[in-house]
C-alpha atoms as a PDB file:
ATOM      1  CA  MET A   1     123.114 126.321 108.774  1.00  0.00           C
ATOM      2  CA  LYS A   2     119.697 124.948 107.898  1.00  0.00           C
ATOM      3  CA  ILE A   3     118.163 123.900 104.590  1.00  0.00           C
ATOM      4  CA  ALA A   4     116.826 126.986 102.852  1.00  0.00           C
ATOM      5  CA  GLN A   5     113.583 128.126 104.427  1.00  0.00           C
ATOM      6  CA  CYS A   6     111.798 128.325 101.058  1.00  0.00           C
ATOM      7  CA  ASP A   7     112.519 124.621 100.545  1.00  0.00           C
ATOM      8  CA  ARG A   8     111.334 123.780 104.045  1.00  0.00           C
ATOM      9  CA  ARG A   9     108.140 125.795 103.551  1.00  0.00           C
ATOM     10  CA  SER A  10     107.408 124.068 100.251  1.00  0.00           C
ATOM     11  CA  PHE A  11     107.884 120.672 101.920  1.00  0.00           C
ATOM     12  CA  LEU A  12     105.584 121.629 104.784  1.00  0.00           C
ATOM     13  CA  LYS A  13     102.971 123.196 102.522  1.00  0.00           C
ATOM     14  CA  SER A  14     102.708 120.087 100.365  1.00  0.00           C
ATOM     15  CA  SER A  15     102.662 117.812 103.396  1.00  0.00           C
ATOM     16  CA  LEU A  16      99.869 119.713 105.125  1.00  0.00           C
ATOM     17  CA  ALA A  17      97.747 119.601 102.001  1.00  0.00           C
ATOM     18  CA  ALA A  18      98.028 115.855 101.693  1.00  0.00           C
ATOM     19  CA  SER A  19      98.538 114.531 105.197  1.00  0.00           C
ATOM     20  CA  ALA A  20      94.897 114.482 106.255  1.00  0.00           C
ATOM     21  CA  ALA A  21      93.929 112.331 103.302  1.00  0.00           C
ATOM     22  CA  THR A  22      96.958 110.146 102.776  1.00  0.00           C
ATOM     23  CA  ALA A  23      99.576 110.243 105.474  1.00  0.00           C
ATOM     24  CA  PHE A  24      98.148 108.386 108.417  1.00  0.00           C
ATOM     25  CA  PRO A  25      94.782 106.676 107.858  1.00  0.00           C
ATOM     26  CA  ALA A  26      93.393 105.022 110.976  1.00  0.00           C
ATOM     27  CA  THR A  27      94.378 101.531 109.866  1.00  0.00           C
ATOM     28  CA  ALA A  28      97.729 102.423 108.304  1.00  0.00           C
ATOM     29  CA  PHE A  29      99.842 100.733 110.947  1.00  0.00           C
ATOM     30  CA  ALA A  30      97.396  98.149 112.269  1.00  0.00           C
ATOM     31  CA  ASP A  31      99.639  95.319 111.140  1.00  0.00           C
ATOM     32  CA  HIS A  32     102.673  96.833 112.828  1.00  0.00           C
ATOM     33  CA  HIS A  33     101.322  98.127 116.120  1.00  0.00           C
ATOM     34  CA  GLY A  34      97.706  97.089 116.503  1.00  0.00           C
ATOM     35  CA  ASP A  35      97.654  93.332 115.996  1.00  0.00           C
ATOM     36  CA  HIS A  36      98.121  91.725 119.420  1.00  0.00           C
ATOM     37  CA  LYS A  37      97.095  88.207 118.406  1.00  0.00           C
ATOM     38  CA  VAL A  38     100.787  87.374 118.597  1.00  0.00           C
ATOM     39  CA  PRO A  39     103.442  89.194 120.650  1.00  0.00           C
ATOM     40  CA  PHE A  40     105.255  90.098 117.437  1.00  0.00           C
ATOM     41  CA  LYS A  41     105.507  89.020 113.817  1.00  0.00           C
ATOM     42  CA  ILE A  42     108.570  88.016 111.832  1.00  0.00           C
ATOM     43  CA  SER A  43     109.878  89.529 108.606  1.00  0.00           C
ATOM     44  CA  VAL A  44     113.166  89.157 106.749  1.00  0.00           C
ATOM     45  CA  ALA A  45     115.541  91.880 105.585  1.00  0.00           C
ATOM     46  CA  GLU A  46     116.907  91.540 102.069  1.00  0.00           C
ATOM     47  CA  TRP A  47     120.397  92.310 103.350  1.00  0.00           C
ATOM     48  CA  SER A  48     120.361  88.758 104.686  1.00  0.00           C
ATOM     49  CA  VAL A  49     120.730  87.567 101.070  1.00  0.00           C
ATOM     50  CA  HIS A  50     122.988  90.303  99.687  1.00  0.00           C
ATOM     51  CA  LYS A  51     125.732  87.800  98.842  1.00  0.00           C
ATOM     52  CA  MET A  52     123.289  85.742  96.800  1.00  0.00           C
ATOM     53  CA  VAL A  53     121.977  88.816  94.992  1.00  0.00           C
ATOM     54  CA  TRP A  54     125.420  90.232  94.244  1.00  0.00           C
ATOM     55  CA  GLY A  55     126.641  86.782  93.241  1.00  0.00           C
ATOM     56  CA  GLY A  56     123.830  86.381  90.722  1.00  0.00           C
ATOM     57  CA  ASP A  57     122.197  83.470  92.562  1.00  0.00           C
ATOM     58  CA  LEU A  58     119.039  85.424  93.456  1.00  0.00           C
ATOM     59  CA  LYS A  59     117.302  88.210  91.564  1.00  0.00           C
ATOM     60  CA  ASN A  60     115.849  91.078  93.521  1.00  0.00           C
ATOM     61  CA  ILE A  61     112.391  90.472  92.065  1.00  0.00           C
ATOM     62  CA  ASP A  62     112.502  86.866  93.285  1.00  0.00           C
ATOM     63  CA  PHE A  63     113.268  87.826  96.884  1.00  0.00           C
ATOM     64  CA  PRO A  64     109.606  87.700  98.055  1.00  0.00           C
ATOM     65  CA  ALA A  65     109.205  84.162  96.680  1.00  0.00           C
ATOM     66  CA  PHE A  66     112.494  83.122  98.284  1.00  0.00           C
ATOM     67  CA  ALA A  67     111.371  84.585 101.610  1.00  0.00           C
ATOM     68  CA  LYS A  68     108.077  82.714 101.617  1.00  0.00           C
ATOM     69  CA  GLU A  69     108.983  79.429  99.930  1.00  0.00           C
ATOM     70  CA  LYS A  70     112.507  78.894 101.266  1.00  0.00           C
ATOM     71  CA  CYS A  71     112.529  80.834 104.555  1.00  0.00           C
ATOM     72  CA  GLY A  72     108.905  80.430 105.663  1.00  0.00           C
ATOM     73  CA  ILE A  73     108.481  84.207 106.112  1.00  0.00           C
ATOM     74  CA  ASP A  74     105.725  86.252 104.468  1.00  0.00           C
ATOM     75  CA  ALA A  75     106.880  89.841 105.094  1.00  0.00           C
ATOM     76  CA  VAL A  76     109.952  91.465 103.536  1.00  0.00           C
ATOM     77  CA  GLU A  77     112.224  94.492 103.918  1.00  0.00           C
ATOM     78  CA  TYR A  78     114.089  95.598 100.799  1.00  0.00           C
ATOM     79  CA  VAL A  79     117.497  97.258 100.378  1.00  0.00           C
ATOM     80  CA  ASN A  80     117.836  99.959  97.726  1.00  0.00           C
ATOM     81  CA  THR A  81     121.399  99.023  96.739  1.00  0.00           C
ATOM     82  CA  LEU A  82     120.197  95.548  95.749  1.00  0.00           C
ATOM     83  CA  PHE A  83     117.759  97.000  93.199  1.00  0.00           C
ATOM     84  CA  GLY A  84     120.582  98.515  91.182  1.00  0.00           C
ATOM     85  CA  ASN A  85     121.143 102.108  90.115  1.00  0.00           C
ATOM     86  CA  PRO A  86     119.130 104.143  89.211  1.00  0.00           C
ATOM     87  CA  ALA A  87     115.965 103.277  91.122  1.00  0.00           C
ATOM     88  CA  PRO A  88     113.517 101.000  89.300  1.00  0.00           C
ATOM     89  CA  SER A  89     110.714 102.451  87.206  1.00  0.00           C
ATOM     90  CA  ASP A  90     107.128 102.546  88.411  1.00  0.00           C
ATOM     91  CA  LYS A  91     106.474  99.615  86.094  1.00  0.00           C
ATOM     92  CA  ASP A  92     109.157  97.546  87.814  1.00  0.00           C
ATOM     93  CA  PHE A  93     107.903  98.454  91.290  1.00  0.00           C
ATOM     94  CA  ASN A  94     104.363  97.530  90.249  1.00  0.00           C
ATOM     95  CA  GLU A  95     105.551  94.185  88.894  1.00  0.00           C
ATOM     96  CA  LEU A  96     107.261  93.468  92.216  1.00  0.00           C
ATOM     97  CA  LYS A  97     104.085  94.470  94.040  1.00  0.00           C
ATOM     98  CA  LYS A  98     102.067  92.056  91.893  1.00  0.00           C
ATOM     99  CA  ARG A  99     104.528  89.264  92.691  1.00  0.00           C
ATOM    100  CA  CYS A 100     104.043  89.963  96.396  1.00  0.00           C
ATOM    101  CA  GLU A 101     100.258  90.040  96.103  1.00  0.00           C
ATOM    102  CA  ASP A 102     100.217  86.735  94.227  1.00  0.00           C
ATOM    103  CA  LEU A 103     102.413  85.163  96.910  1.00  0.00           C
ATOM    104  CA  GLY A 104     100.650  86.716  99.885  1.00  0.00           C
ATOM    105  CA  VAL A 105     103.840  88.509 100.943  1.00  0.00           C
ATOM    106  CA  GLU A 106     103.752  91.930 102.587  1.00  0.00           C
ATOM    107  CA  SER A 107     106.289  94.623 101.739  1.00  0.00           C
ATOM    108  CA  LEU A 108     107.233  96.602 104.855  1.00  0.00           C
ATOM    109  CA  LEU A 109     110.033  99.031 104.072  1.00  0.00           C
ATOM    110  CA  ILE A 110     113.002  99.911 101.882  1.00  0.00           C
ATOM    111  CA  MET A 111     116.402 100.387 103.519  1.00  0.00           C
ATOM    112  CA  CYS A 112     118.167 103.290 101.797  1.00  0.00           C
ATOM    113  CA  ASP A 113     121.949 103.521 101.699  1.00  0.00           C
ATOM    114  CA  GLY A 114     124.498 105.350  99.560  1.00  0.00           C
ATOM    115  CA  LEU A 115     122.417 108.500  99.023  1.00  0.00           C
ATOM    116  CA  GLY A 116     124.568 110.971 100.920  1.00  0.00           C
ATOM    117  CA  GLN A 117     124.555 112.344 104.455  1.00  0.00           C
ATOM    118  CA  LEU A 118     121.261 113.677 105.785  1.00  0.00           C
ATOM    119  CA  GLY A 119     123.329 115.578 108.347  1.00  0.00           C
ATOM    120  CA  ASP A 120     125.849 116.993 105.889  1.00  0.00           C
ATOM    121  CA  PRO A 121     127.313 120.265 107.223  1.00  0.00           C
ATOM    122  CA  GLU A 122     126.690 121.914 103.837  1.00  0.00           C
ATOM    123  CA  ALA A 123     123.041 122.906 103.408  1.00  0.00           C
ATOM    124  CA  THR A 124     123.126 122.329  99.644  1.00  0.00           C
ATOM    125  CA  ALA A 125     124.491 118.811 100.053  1.00  0.00           C
ATOM    126  CA  ARG A 126     121.975 118.113 102.810  1.00  0.00           C
ATOM    127  CA  HIS A 127     119.138 119.253 100.561  1.00  0.00           C
ATOM    128  CA  ARG A 128     120.467 117.163  97.681  1.00  0.00           C
ATOM    129  CA  THR A 129     120.553 114.077  99.930  1.00  0.00           C
ATOM    130  CA  VAL A 130     116.942 114.650 100.978  1.00  0.00           C
ATOM    131  CA  LEU A 131     115.832 114.814  97.345  1.00  0.00           C
ATOM    132  CA  LYS A 132     117.749 111.649  96.432  1.00  0.00           C
ATOM    133  CA  HIS A 133     115.383 109.730  98.709  1.00  0.00           C
ATOM    134  CA  ALA A 134     112.314 110.787  96.692  1.00  0.00           C
ATOM    135  CA  ALA A 135     112.572 107.921  94.205  1.00  0.00           C
ATOM    136  CA  TRP A 136     112.604 105.437  97.066  1.00  0.00           C
ATOM    137  CA  LEU A 137     109.680 107.118  98.802  1.00  0.00           C
ATOM    138  CA  ASN A 138     107.796 106.670  95.552  1.00  0.00           C
ATOM    139  CA  GLY A 139     108.866 103.034  95.281  1.00  0.00           C
ATOM    140  CA  ALA A 140     107.963 102.300  98.880  1.00  0.00           C
ATOM    141  CA  GLN A 141     104.526 103.821  98.344  1.00  0.00           C
ATOM    142  CA  LEU A 142     103.934 101.745  95.193  1.00  0.00           C
ATOM    143  CA  LEU A 143     104.962  98.570  97.032  1.00  0.00           C
ATOM    144  CA  GLY A 144     102.639  99.310  99.961  1.00  0.00           C
ATOM    145  CA  CYS A 145     105.444  99.799 102.494  1.00  0.00           C
ATOM    146  CA  HIS A 146     105.046 101.869 105.643  1.00  0.00           C
ATOM    147  CA  SER A 147     108.591 103.324 105.788  1.00  0.00           C
ATOM    148  CA  ILE A 148     111.955 103.979 104.269  1.00  0.00           C
ATOM    149  CA  ARG A 149     114.947 103.345 106.529  1.00  0.00           C
ATOM    150  CA  VAL A 150     117.639 106.008 106.337  1.00  0.00           C
ATOM    151  CA  ASN A 151     120.979 106.908 107.913  1.00  0.00           C
ATOM    152  CA  ALA A 152     121.773 109.899 110.118  1.00  0.00           C
ATOM    153  CA  GLY A 153     125.358 110.472 108.990  1.00  0.00           C
ATOM    154  CA  SER A 154     126.982 113.825 109.726  1.00  0.00           C
ATOM    155  CA  LYS A 155     130.255 115.544 110.623  1.00  0.00           C
ATOM    156  CA  GLY A 156     131.386 117.790 113.453  1.00  0.00           C
ATOM    157  CA  SER A 157     130.979 117.735 117.205  1.00  0.00           C
ATOM    158  CA  ARG A 158     128.371 115.587 118.922  1.00  0.00           C
ATOM    159  CA  GLU A 159     126.025 118.557 119.377  1.00  0.00           C
ATOM    160  CA  GLU A 160     126.594 119.869 115.851  1.00  0.00           C
ATOM    161  CA  GLN A 161     125.830 116.461 114.352  1.00  0.00           C
ATOM    162  CA  GLU A 162     122.657 116.194 116.431  1.00  0.00           C
ATOM    163  CA  LYS A 163     121.399 119.507 115.039  1.00  0.00           C
ATOM    164  CA  LEU A 164     122.424 118.761 111.451  1.00  0.00           C
ATOM    165  CA  ALA A 165     120.972 115.241 111.410  1.00  0.00           C
ATOM    166  CA  ALA A 166     117.719 116.510 112.899  1.00  0.00           C
ATOM    167  CA  ASP A 167     117.504 119.230 110.254  1.00  0.00           C
ATOM    168  CA  GLY A 168     117.951 116.781 107.384  1.00  0.00           C
ATOM    169  CA  LEU A 169     115.561 114.255 108.897  1.00  0.00           C
ATOM    170  CA  ALA A 170     112.893 116.901 109.451  1.00  0.00           C
ATOM    171  CA  ALA A 171     113.115 117.989 105.826  1.00  0.00           C
ATOM    172  CA  LEU A 172     112.943 114.402 104.584  1.00  0.00           C
ATOM    173  CA  SER A 173     110.054 113.566 106.905  1.00  0.00           C
ATOM    174  CA  ALA A 174     108.135 116.568 105.545  1.00  0.00           C
ATOM    175  CA  LEU A 175     108.843 115.357 102.015  1.00  0.00           C
ATOM    176  CA  ALA A 176     107.676 111.851 102.985  1.00  0.00           C
ATOM    177  CA  LYS A 177     104.288 112.869 104.399  1.00  0.00           C
ATOM    178  CA  PRO A 178     102.403 113.170 101.096  1.00  0.00           C
ATOM    179  CA  TYR A 179     103.614 109.651 100.273  1.00  0.00           C
ATOM    180  CA  GLY A 180     102.157 108.370 103.554  1.00  0.00           C
ATOM    181  CA  MET A 181     105.645 107.182 104.500  1.00  0.00           C
ATOM    182  CA  ASN A 182     107.599 107.074 107.729  1.00  0.00           C
ATOM    183  CA  VAL A 183     111.285 107.970 107.786  1.00  0.00           C
ATOM    184  CA  ILE A 184     113.025 105.675 110.251  1.00  0.00           C
ATOM    185  CA  VAL A 185     116.652 105.777 111.346  1.00  0.00           C
ATOM    186  CA  GLU A 186     118.764 102.748 112.160  1.00  0.00           C
ATOM    187  CA  ASN A 187     121.685 102.748 114.565  1.00  0.00           C
ATOM    188  CA  HIS A 188     124.217 102.315 111.786  1.00  0.00           C
ATOM    189  CA  GLY A 189     127.636 103.582 112.815  1.00  0.00           C
ATOM    190  CA  GLY A 190     129.098 106.805 114.162  1.00  0.00           C
ATOM    191  CA  TYR A 191     126.980 108.737 116.630  1.00  0.00           C
ATOM    192  CA  SER A 192     123.863 106.960 115.368  1.00  0.00           C
ATOM    193  CA  SER A 193     125.129 103.875 117.226  1.00  0.00           C
ATOM    194  CA  ASP A 194     124.937 105.864 120.469  1.00  0.00           C
ATOM    195  CA  GLY A 195     121.382 105.296 121.672  1.00  0.00           C
ATOM    196  CA  SER A 196     121.240 108.476 123.729  1.00  0.00           C
ATOM    197  CA  TRP A 197     122.417 110.592 120.774  1.00  0.00           C
ATOM    198  CA  LEU A 198     119.878 109.130 118.341  1.00  0.00           C
ATOM    199  CA  ALA A 199     117.088 109.457 120.906  1.00  0.00           C
ATOM    200  CA  ALA A 200     118.012 113.144 121.272  1.00  0.00           C
ATOM    201  CA  VAL A 201     117.830 113.541 117.484  1.00  0.00           C
ATOM    202  CA  MET A 202     114.331 112.038 117.482  1.00  0.00           C
ATOM    203  CA  LYS A 203     113.198 114.439 120.210  1.00  0.00           C
ATOM    204  CA  ARG A 204     114.639 117.356 118.280  1.00  0.00           C
ATOM    205  CA  VAL A 205     112.853 116.341 115.048  1.00  0.00           C
ATOM    206  CA  ASN A 206     109.590 115.699 116.925  1.00  0.00           C
ATOM    207  CA  MET A 207     107.534 114.575 113.889  1.00  0.00           C
ATOM    208  CA  ASP A 208     104.998 111.776 113.955  1.00  0.00           C
ATOM    209  CA  ASN A 209     106.359 110.112 110.805  1.00  0.00           C
ATOM    210  CA  CYS A 210     109.995 110.137 111.933  1.00  0.00           C
ATOM    211  CA  GLY A 211     111.188 107.286 114.121  1.00  0.00           C
ATOM    212  CA  THR A 212     113.800 104.617 114.652  1.00  0.00           C
ATOM    213  CA  LEU A 213     114.652 101.093 113.550  1.00  0.00           C
ATOM    214  CA  PRO A 214     116.606  99.644 116.486  1.00  0.00           C
ATOM    215  CA  ASP A 215     119.108  97.032 115.323  1.00  0.00           C
ATOM    216  CA  PHE A 216     120.291  94.465 117.879  1.00  0.00           C
ATOM    217  CA  GLY A 217     123.887  94.522 116.707  1.00  0.00           C
ATOM    218  CA  ASN A 218     124.891  97.857 115.159  1.00  0.00           C
ATOM    219  CA  PHE A 219     126.480  99.533 118.173  1.00  0.00           C
ATOM    220  CA  ASN A 220     130.028 100.029 116.919  1.00  0.00           C
ATOM    221  CA  LEU A 221     131.032 103.603 117.732  1.00  0.00           C
ATOM    222  CA  GLY A 222     134.379 103.370 115.951  1.00  0.00           C
ATOM    223  CA  GLY A 223     137.866 103.551 117.409  1.00  0.00           C
ATOM    224  CA  GLY A 224     137.388 100.186 119.096  1.00  0.00           C
ATOM    225  CA  LYS A 225     134.497 101.509 121.195  1.00  0.00           C
ATOM    226  CA  THR A 226     131.046  99.965 121.412  1.00  0.00           C
ATOM    227  CA  TYR A 227     127.760 101.029 122.970  1.00  0.00           C
ATOM    228  CA  ASP A 228     125.837  98.647 125.204  1.00  0.00           C
ATOM    229  CA  ARG A 229     123.314  97.025 122.873  1.00  0.00           C
ATOM    230  CA  TYR A 230     120.647  96.481 125.512  1.00  0.00           C
ATOM    231  CA  GLN A 231     120.850 100.065 126.723  1.00  0.00           C
ATOM    232  CA  GLY A 232     120.831 101.309 123.135  1.00  0.00           C
ATOM    233  CA  VAL A 233     117.731  99.363 122.132  1.00  0.00           C
ATOM    234  CA  THR A 234     116.002 100.478 125.339  1.00  0.00           C
ATOM    235  CA  GLU A 235     116.699 104.117 124.440  1.00  0.00           C
ATOM    236  CA  LEU A 236     115.516 103.730 120.835  1.00  0.00           C
ATOM    237  CA  MET A 237     112.348 101.690 121.386  1.00  0.00           C
ATOM    238  CA  PRO A 238     110.111 104.651 122.354  1.00  0.00           C
ATOM    239  CA  PHE A 239     110.526 105.881 118.753  1.00  0.00           C
ATOM    240  CA  ALA A 240     110.569 102.483 116.996  1.00  0.00           C
ATOM    241  CA  LYS A 241     108.435 101.774 113.941  1.00  0.00           C
ATOM    242  CA  ALA A 242     110.405  98.617 113.036  1.00  0.00           C
ATOM    243  CA  VAL A 243     112.987  96.360 114.714  1.00  0.00           C
ATOM    244  CA  SER A 244     115.968  94.514 113.230  1.00  0.00           C
ATOM    245  CA  ALA A 245     117.038  91.192 114.761  1.00  0.00           C
ATOM    246  CA  LYS A 246     120.704  91.129 113.745  1.00  0.00           C
ATOM    247  CA  SER A 247     122.371  87.708 113.937  1.00  0.00           C
ATOM    248  CA  HIS A 248     125.835  86.327 113.217  1.00  0.00           C
ATOM    249  CA  ASP A 249     126.574  83.062 115.027  1.00  0.00           C
ATOM    250  CA  PHE A 250     124.648  80.414 116.945  1.00  0.00           C
ATOM    251  CA  ASP A 251     125.546  77.915 119.646  1.00  0.00           C
ATOM    252  CA  GLU A 252     124.521  74.263 119.701  1.00  0.00           C
ATOM    253  CA  GLU A 253     121.202  75.154 121.314  1.00  0.00           C
ATOM    254  CA  GLY A 254     120.342  77.635 118.573  1.00  0.00           C
ATOM    255  CA  ASN A 255     120.966  80.785 120.601  1.00  0.00           C
ATOM    256  CA  GLU A 256     122.694  83.775 119.020  1.00  0.00           C
ATOM    257  CA  THR A 257     126.124  84.085 120.623  1.00  0.00           C
ATOM    258  CA  HIS A 258     126.376  87.896 120.556  1.00  0.00           C
ATOM    259  CA  THR A 259     122.859  88.873 121.621  1.00  0.00           C
ATOM    260  CA  ASP A 260     120.572  87.349 124.222  1.00  0.00           C
ATOM    261  CA  TYR A 261     117.401  87.340 122.144  1.00  0.00           C
ATOM    262  CA  PHE A 262     115.182  86.572 125.134  1.00  0.00           C
ATOM    263  CA  LYS A 263     116.538  89.589 127.020  1.00  0.00           C
ATOM    264  CA  MET A 264     116.431  91.812 123.941  1.00  0.00           C
ATOM    265  CA  MET A 265     112.895  90.891 122.967  1.00  0.00           C
ATOM    266  CA  ASP A 266     111.774  91.484 126.538  1.00  0.00           C
ATOM    267  CA  ILE A 267     113.002  95.074 126.106  1.00  0.00           C
ATOM    268  CA  VAL A 268     111.183  95.351 122.762  1.00  0.00           C
ATOM    269  CA  LEU A 269     107.873  94.030 124.078  1.00  0.00           C
ATOM    270  CA  LYS A 270     107.971  96.004 127.330  1.00  0.00           C
ATOM    271  CA  ALA A 271     108.188  99.123 125.175  1.00  0.00           C
ATOM    272  CA  GLY A 272     104.758  98.216 123.823  1.00  0.00           C
ATOM    273  CA  TYR A 273     105.969  97.168 120.386  1.00  0.00           C
ATOM    274  CA  HIS A 274     104.060  94.297 118.750  1.00  0.00           C
ATOM    275  CA  GLY A 275     104.945  94.810 115.110  1.00  0.00           C
ATOM    276  CA  TYR A 276     107.348  93.020 112.789  1.00  0.00           C
ATOM    277  CA  VAL A 277     110.824  91.992 113.898  1.00  0.00           C
ATOM    278  CA  GLY A 278     113.082  91.635 110.866  1.00  0.00           C
ATOM    279  CA  VAL A 279     115.556  88.779 110.528  1.00  0.00           C
ATOM    280  CA  GLU A 280     118.906  90.193 109.399  1.00  0.00           C
ATOM    281  CA  TYR A 281     121.543  87.488 109.208  1.00  0.00           C
ATOM    282  CA  GLU A 282     125.109  88.710 108.617  1.00  0.00           C
ATOM    283  CA  GLY A 283     127.125  85.666 109.611  1.00  0.00           C
ATOM    284  CA  SER A 284     129.521  83.598 107.529  1.00  0.00           C
ATOM    285  CA  LYS A 285     129.549  80.176 109.209  1.00  0.00           C
ATOM    286  CA  LEU A 286     126.080  79.293 107.935  1.00  0.00           C
ATOM    287  CA  SER A 287     124.754  79.875 104.449  1.00  0.00           C
ATOM    288  CA  GLU A 288     122.494  82.880 104.089  1.00  0.00           C
ATOM    289  CA  LEU A 289     119.431  80.625 103.870  1.00  0.00           C
ATOM    290  CA  ASP A 290     120.438  78.548 106.897  1.00  0.00           C
ATOM    291  CA  GLY A 291     121.271  81.683 108.872  1.00  0.00           C
ATOM    292  CA  ILE A 292     117.862  83.191 108.125  1.00  0.00           C
ATOM    293  CA  ILE A 293     116.104  80.010 109.190  1.00  0.00           C
ATOM    294  CA  ALA A 294     118.186  79.740 112.382  1.00  0.00           C
ATOM    295  CA  THR A 295     117.277  83.327 113.285  1.00  0.00           C
ATOM    296  CA  ARG A 296     113.605  82.771 112.498  1.00  0.00           C
ATOM    297  CA  LYS A 297     113.522  79.659 114.668  1.00  0.00           C
ATOM    298  CA  LEU A 298     115.157  81.528 117.544  1.00  0.00           C
ATOM    299  CA  LEU A 299     112.583  84.312 117.282  1.00  0.00           C
ATOM    300  CA  GLU A 300     109.820  81.694 117.207  1.00  0.00           C
ATOM    301  CA  ARG A 301     111.193  80.152 120.426  1.00  0.00           C
ATOM    302  CA  VAL A 302     111.168  83.579 122.033  1.00  0.00           C
ATOM    303  CA  ARG A 303     107.618  84.159 120.844  1.00  0.00           C
ATOM    304  CA  ASP A 304     106.441  80.781 122.122  1.00  0.00           C
ATOM    305  CA  LYS A 305     107.932  81.501 125.535  1.00  0.00           C
ATOM    306  CA  VAL A 306     106.229  84.893 125.690  1.00  0.00           C
ATOM    307  CA  LYS A 307     102.876  83.374 124.709  1.00  0.00           C
ATOM    308  CA  ALA A 308     103.160  80.525 127.219  1.00  0.00           C
END
């Protein structure tokens, strides 16, 4: 069952009216796909500091300064659950934007969790989930981001979930167009961690502002099963509008012990992607700051090798 056609038509009508002027100006994604001065650029995901934020050691509004001054990174990816509930006001988003402008930090995207299942079997619940993302589309636009990152959760058989997730994503992507925003899906558990399934969802949606955010490490299918991370990233890169460099542990030479970053970044670059690669440290042996820096340094080594 699909979202009511009247709702879909209203989404599409509003998007068509605004898309020519606002959705995809010629330079909108120059920083993410058109700048080939370096093979790729490095950003940092706010989830890397979620323990500090939840523990009261770092305020959300201070994350851009922390990223630049402590981590040596001048592009950031936010997480909605670290802003608090409900979503911040326009005034708060504008204050955060001003902080970023003063620091010379670029805001790239907001990762959205806890808003419901975009592939919910019930059309009403699916529609409600789509609308819950509106506040974060607004916030992302105010901050100057290019995307919100969402989840493709659903229930049912593999084929049923593919259809349901595609339906919800299409509705949300239509809603996002007047904001000039992309809707990008991360491999984040369940069938979404199956690269072939998520690629099929993208083909079914078939919208220019709907894509993926391949994560190096989120390939847990549940039930003790995992999906090959290199195959998964390969399958998701044709649709990628951002990339997440997940890290947990490092050996004495500074290499991540779960993912061969040199092999993984070769896949990313061969797909023609030259945008930001986001540091997302989730380990426990290093502090969050040290883990971010270790991941950044590893990405810099990869970049230096590619440039050589």
